Protein backbone atom coordinates (compact mmCIF):
# COMPACT_ATOMS: atom_id res chain seq x y z
CA UNK A 1 -25.36 6.35 -30.97
CA UNK A 2 -23.96 8.78 -28.41
CA UNK A 3 -23.88 6.17 -25.79
CA UNK A 4 -21.88 3.74 -27.98
CA UNK A 5 -19.46 6.54 -28.30
CA UNK A 6 -19.10 7.06 -24.88
CA UNK A 7 -18.57 3.47 -24.13
CA UNK A 8 -15.99 3.37 -27.01
CA UNK A 9 -14.23 6.42 -25.47
CA UNK A 10 -14.05 4.87 -22.04
CA UNK A 11 -12.55 1.76 -23.64
CA UNK A 12 -9.69 3.83 -25.49
CA UNK A 13 -8.99 5.62 -22.15
CA UNK A 14 -8.94 2.43 -20.29
CA UNK A 15 -6.59 0.61 -22.98
CA UNK A 16 -4.38 3.72 -22.80
CA UNK A 17 -4.12 3.58 -18.96
CA UNK A 18 -3.81 0.14 -18.82
CA UNK A 19 -0.57 0.24 -21.22
CA UNK A 20 0.91 2.87 -19.24
CA UNK A 21 0.26 0.91 -15.94
CA UNK A 22 1.80 -2.14 -17.49
CA UNK A 23 4.94 -0.50 -18.26
CA UNK A 24 5.24 1.35 -14.86
CA UNK A 25 4.54 -2.01 -13.27
CA UNK A 26 7.24 -3.74 -15.25
CA UNK A 27 9.93 -0.95 -14.07
CA UNK A 28 8.76 -1.39 -10.49
CA UNK A 29 9.09 -5.32 -10.36
CA UNK A 30 12.55 -5.24 -12.16
CA UNK A 31 14.56 -4.34 -8.98
CA UNK A 32 17.28 -2.70 -10.92
CA UNK A 33 16.77 0.65 -9.84
CA UNK A 34 15.80 2.62 -7.01
CA UNK A 35 11.78 3.06 -6.90
CA UNK A 36 10.99 6.63 -5.79
CA UNK A 37 7.77 6.51 -3.45
CA UNK A 38 6.01 9.93 -2.58
CA UNK A 39 4.11 10.02 0.46
CA UNK A 40 1.35 12.64 1.00
CA UNK A 41 0.05 13.07 4.56
CA UNK A 42 -3.44 14.24 4.68
CA UNK A 43 -5.52 15.18 7.75
CA UNK A 44 -8.66 13.26 7.59
CA UNK A 45 -10.49 15.18 10.36
CA UNK A 46 -10.41 18.65 11.69
CA UNK A 47 -8.78 17.57 15.37
CA UNK A 48 -6.07 19.63 16.41
CA UNK A 49 -4.22 16.57 17.51
CA UNK A 50 -4.42 15.31 13.86
CA UNK A 51 -3.35 18.50 12.45
CA UNK A 52 -0.35 18.68 14.78
CA UNK A 53 0.62 14.98 14.24
CA UNK A 54 0.48 15.53 10.33
CA UNK A 55 2.71 18.68 10.56
CA UNK A 56 5.25 16.79 12.54
CA UNK A 57 5.87 13.99 9.84
CA UNK A 58 9.11 14.07 7.97
CA UNK A 59 11.51 11.73 6.17
CA UNK A 60 12.71 9.78 9.34
CA UNK A 61 9.08 8.99 10.17
CA UNK A 62 9.13 6.41 7.41
CA UNK A 63 12.83 5.22 7.12
CA UNK A 64 11.97 1.94 8.77
CA UNK A 65 9.95 1.13 5.63
CA UNK A 66 12.71 1.63 3.33
CA UNK A 67 14.94 -0.19 5.52
CA UNK A 68 12.50 -3.27 5.70
CA UNK A 69 12.29 -3.49 1.93
CA UNK A 70 16.08 -3.24 1.56
CA UNK A 71 16.56 -6.14 3.99
CA UNK A 72 13.78 -8.18 2.06
CA UNK A 73 15.02 -7.38 -1.34
CA UNK A 74 18.67 -8.70 -0.17
CA UNK A 75 17.13 -11.67 1.53
CA UNK A 76 15.79 -12.58 -1.98
CA UNK A 77 19.41 -12.09 -3.76
CA UNK A 78 18.70 -8.64 -5.29
CA UNK A 79 21.55 -6.32 -5.35
CA UNK A 80 20.00 -2.93 -5.68
CA UNK A 81 21.49 -0.53 -3.14
CA UNK A 82 18.35 1.32 -2.26
CA UNK A 83 15.25 -0.44 -3.71
CA UNK A 84 12.77 2.07 -2.16
CA UNK A 85 13.27 5.50 -1.03
CA UNK A 86 10.20 7.13 0.51
CA UNK A 87 10.15 10.94 0.48
CA UNK A 88 7.56 12.97 2.18
CA UNK A 89 5.44 15.83 0.61
CA UNK A 90 3.93 18.69 2.46
CA UNK A 91 0.58 17.88 4.00
CA UNK A 92 -2.50 18.09 1.61
CA UNK A 93 -5.36 20.02 2.29
CA UNK A 94 -7.72 18.25 -0.12
CA UNK A 95 -8.74 14.76 0.33
CA UNK A 96 -8.84 12.15 -2.57
CA UNK A 97 -12.41 10.86 -4.08
CA UNK A 98 -14.03 8.42 -1.85
CA UNK A 99 -14.18 4.84 -2.72
CA UNK A 100 -17.66 3.71 -3.76
CA UNK A 101 -19.38 1.63 -1.21
CA UNK A 102 -20.71 -1.44 -2.70
CA UNK A 103 -20.37 0.25 -6.08
CA UNK A 104 -20.75 -1.52 -9.47
CA UNK A 105 -17.79 -2.48 -11.58
CA UNK A 106 -18.52 0.76 -13.53
CA UNK A 107 -18.38 2.82 -10.55
CA UNK A 108 -15.22 1.40 -9.67
CA UNK A 109 -13.74 1.99 -12.98
CA UNK A 110 -14.95 5.72 -12.78
CA UNK A 111 -13.81 6.09 -9.40
CA UNK A 112 -10.26 4.71 -10.36
CA UNK A 113 -10.06 7.30 -13.43
CA UNK A 114 -11.29 9.99 -11.04
CA UNK A 115 -8.65 9.16 -8.54
CA UNK A 116 -5.85 9.27 -11.11
CA UNK A 117 -6.93 12.70 -12.11
CA UNK A 118 -7.23 13.96 -8.59
CA UNK A 119 -3.56 12.41 -7.91
CA UNK A 120 -2.10 14.25 -10.85
CA UNK A 121 -3.42 17.64 -9.43
CA UNK A 122 -1.95 16.77 -6.21
CA UNK A 123 1.40 15.40 -6.70
CA UNK A 124 3.83 18.34 -5.86
CA UNK A 125 6.78 17.10 -4.32
CA UNK A 126 10.57 17.98 -4.62
CA UNK A 127 13.02 15.74 -6.33
CA UNK A 128 12.75 12.93 -8.75
CA UNK A 129 9.19 12.17 -10.36
CA UNK A 130 7.79 9.63 -8.04
CA UNK A 131 6.76 6.10 -9.45
CA UNK A 132 4.36 5.47 -6.58
CA UNK A 133 2.24 7.73 -4.85
CA UNK A 134 0.79 7.19 -1.32
CA UNK A 135 -1.85 9.28 0.11
CA UNK A 136 -1.98 8.58 3.85
CA UNK A 137 -5.08 9.92 5.54
CA UNK A 138 -4.69 10.55 9.29
CA UNK A 139 -7.58 10.01 11.86
CA UNK A 140 -7.64 11.00 15.43
CA UNK A 141 -8.18 7.73 17.23
CA UNK A 142 -10.34 9.37 19.73
CA UNK A 143 -12.82 10.16 17.00
CA UNK A 144 -12.20 7.25 14.69
CA UNK A 145 -11.57 3.98 16.67
CA UNK A 146 -11.78 2.04 13.40
CA UNK A 147 -10.07 3.32 10.31
CA UNK A 148 -11.92 2.98 7.02
CA UNK A 149 -10.34 0.32 4.55
CA UNK A 150 -7.18 0.98 2.71
CA UNK A 151 -6.52 0.21 -0.79
CA UNK A 152 -3.35 0.14 -3.04
CA UNK A 153 -3.96 0.07 -6.77
CA UNK A 154 -1.46 -1.56 -9.09
CA UNK A 155 -2.87 -0.05 -12.08
CA UNK A 156 -1.62 3.71 -11.48
CA UNK A 157 0.56 2.85 -8.66
CA UNK A 158 -1.48 4.84 -6.11
CA UNK A 159 -2.30 3.96 -2.30
CA UNK A 160 -4.98 5.34 -0.33
CA UNK A 161 -4.17 4.65 3.01
CA UNK A 162 -6.01 5.35 6.33
CA UNK A 163 -3.72 5.60 9.54
CA UNK A 164 -4.03 6.96 13.08
CA UNK A 165 -2.51 10.44 14.15
CA UNK A 166 -0.88 8.65 17.18
CA UNK A 167 2.58 8.16 18.01
CA UNK A 168 1.60 5.04 19.91
CA UNK A 169 0.14 3.64 16.68
CA UNK A 170 2.82 4.71 14.33
CA UNK A 171 4.42 0.96 14.08
CA UNK A 172 1.05 -0.22 12.98
CA UNK A 173 0.83 2.61 10.69
CA UNK A 174 4.11 1.42 9.16
CA UNK A 175 2.88 -2.10 8.50
CA UNK A 176 -0.52 -0.86 6.70
CA UNK A 177 1.70 1.42 4.39
CA UNK A 178 4.07 -1.17 3.61
CA UNK A 179 1.31 -3.72 3.03
CA UNK A 180 -0.72 -1.04 0.55
CA UNK A 181 2.51 -0.12 -1.13
CA UNK A 182 3.23 -3.72 -2.00
CA UNK A 183 -0.28 -3.62 -3.62
CA UNK A 184 0.92 -1.07 -6.12
CA UNK A 185 3.86 -3.37 -7.17
CA UNK A 186 1.18 -6.27 -7.79
CA UNK A 187 1.10 -8.15 -4.54
CA UNK A 188 -2.31 -9.59 -3.57
CA UNK A 189 -3.95 -10.01 -0.26
CA UNK A 190 -3.39 -13.27 1.59
CA UNK A 191 -5.97 -13.40 4.29
CA UNK A 192 -9.72 -14.25 4.39
CA UNK A 193 -11.77 -11.05 3.96
CA UNK A 194 -14.48 -12.38 6.42
CA UNK A 195 -12.26 -13.79 9.25
CA UNK A 196 -9.00 -11.84 8.75
CA UNK A 197 -7.20 -15.01 9.16
CA UNK A 198 -3.90 -15.71 7.16
CA UNK A 199 -4.45 -18.15 4.14
CA UNK A 200 -2.35 -20.97 4.25
CA UNK A 201 0.29 -21.77 2.66
CA UNK A 202 0.72 -18.32 1.04
CA UNK A 203 -0.44 -16.27 3.97
CA UNK A 204 2.07 -17.81 6.11
CA UNK A 205 5.52 -16.20 6.91
CA UNK A 206 7.02 -19.83 6.97
CA UNK A 207 5.02 -22.22 5.34
CA UNK A 208 7.64 -24.99 5.68
CA UNK A 209 7.52 -24.70 9.56
CA UNK A 210 7.03 -27.85 11.59
CA UNK A 211 4.89 -27.91 13.22
CA UNK A 212 3.34 -25.37 11.05
CA UNK A 213 1.54 -23.34 14.11
CA UNK A 214 2.42 -21.12 15.78
CA UNK A 215 4.23 -18.98 13.21
CA UNK A 216 6.85 -16.47 14.57
CA UNK A 217 6.20 -13.72 11.93
CA UNK A 218 3.59 -12.41 9.64
CA UNK A 219 3.60 -12.78 6.00
CA UNK A 220 3.05 -8.80 5.10
CA UNK A 221 0.13 -9.46 2.67
CA UNK A 222 -1.72 -11.31 5.18
CA UNK A 223 -0.96 -8.84 7.98
CA UNK A 224 -1.34 -11.09 11.01
CA UNK A 225 0.85 -13.71 12.61
CA UNK A 226 -1.10 -16.98 12.61
CA UNK A 227 -1.07 -18.75 15.78
CA UNK A 228 -3.24 -21.53 14.91
CA UNK A 229 -5.42 -22.43 11.83
CA UNK A 230 -8.41 -20.23 13.46
CA UNK A 231 -6.34 -17.83 15.46
CA UNK A 232 -3.96 -14.91 14.60
CA UNK A 233 -2.63 -11.80 16.03
CA UNK A 234 -1.47 -8.24 14.81
CA UNK A 235 2.48 -8.09 14.62
CA UNK A 236 3.87 -5.39 16.90
CA UNK A 237 6.38 -3.99 14.48
CA UNK A 238 7.13 -3.94 10.62
CA UNK A 239 10.28 -6.08 11.47
CA UNK A 240 8.16 -8.74 12.61
CA UNK A 241 6.69 -9.13 9.08
CA UNK A 242 8.24 -10.62 5.95
CA UNK A 243 7.67 -10.74 2.20
CA UNK A 244 6.72 -14.66 1.67
CA UNK A 245 7.65 -16.61 -1.61
CA UNK A 246 4.15 -16.33 -3.12
CA UNK A 247 4.39 -12.37 -2.77
CA UNK A 248 8.02 -12.31 -3.87
CA UNK A 249 6.90 -14.11 -7.00
CA UNK A 250 4.13 -11.55 -7.79
CA UNK A 251 6.36 -8.61 -7.33
CA UNK A 252 9.26 -9.97 -9.30
CA UNK A 253 11.71 -11.00 -6.31
CA UNK A 254 11.35 -14.58 -7.54
CA UNK A 255 11.14 -15.93 -10.90
């Protein structure tokens, strides 16, 4: 009996959270008002270089992301003046709950709820209440040559992003942050999880190009420039990516 009550309680919580997420997602994808995004830097290790890098971040560090979104929104004919404004919070000391490794569906649901609770306790930032919260965990590249997988949740509008505490990799960080931020708007991945190759046609920046390859830019949710059907490379800068038609439909830029 108690087990049934727990399951019923969990279903009620999930339904309530789901309704709130649907309402938030509808506001995000209307493109009628500015979306306030809060970015919370977190030092993912105890490296002095990481600590210094995180402490140096400010609003200007992420302006290119807001400018890129604005350019893409204009390209799709929307007229909102500032579609996305990213504000940077003071660095956090506490790290978010770890994503389950090969967890069950129930493990993932419980982690999602735990993450939302944790985020509600770690969301202090000046200004308007954010609609999207991005927690960016910075790693010393000398200690962590391969960063863990990042994730962006449409349900809850929360992103957990792993980046490098390195000015040389600042531009790559911006691509990852923009990619995960669009997940919170409802965009889906458009690359093969095994090969990381963009999936045609939705994962191509210009699916109508003749010849199709090589592509000149990357579709942001594919993350790589397709040079051939079986070969791709990482774009050097965020401006070398764009929002393709399929992604635009998912996030409300195209009807």
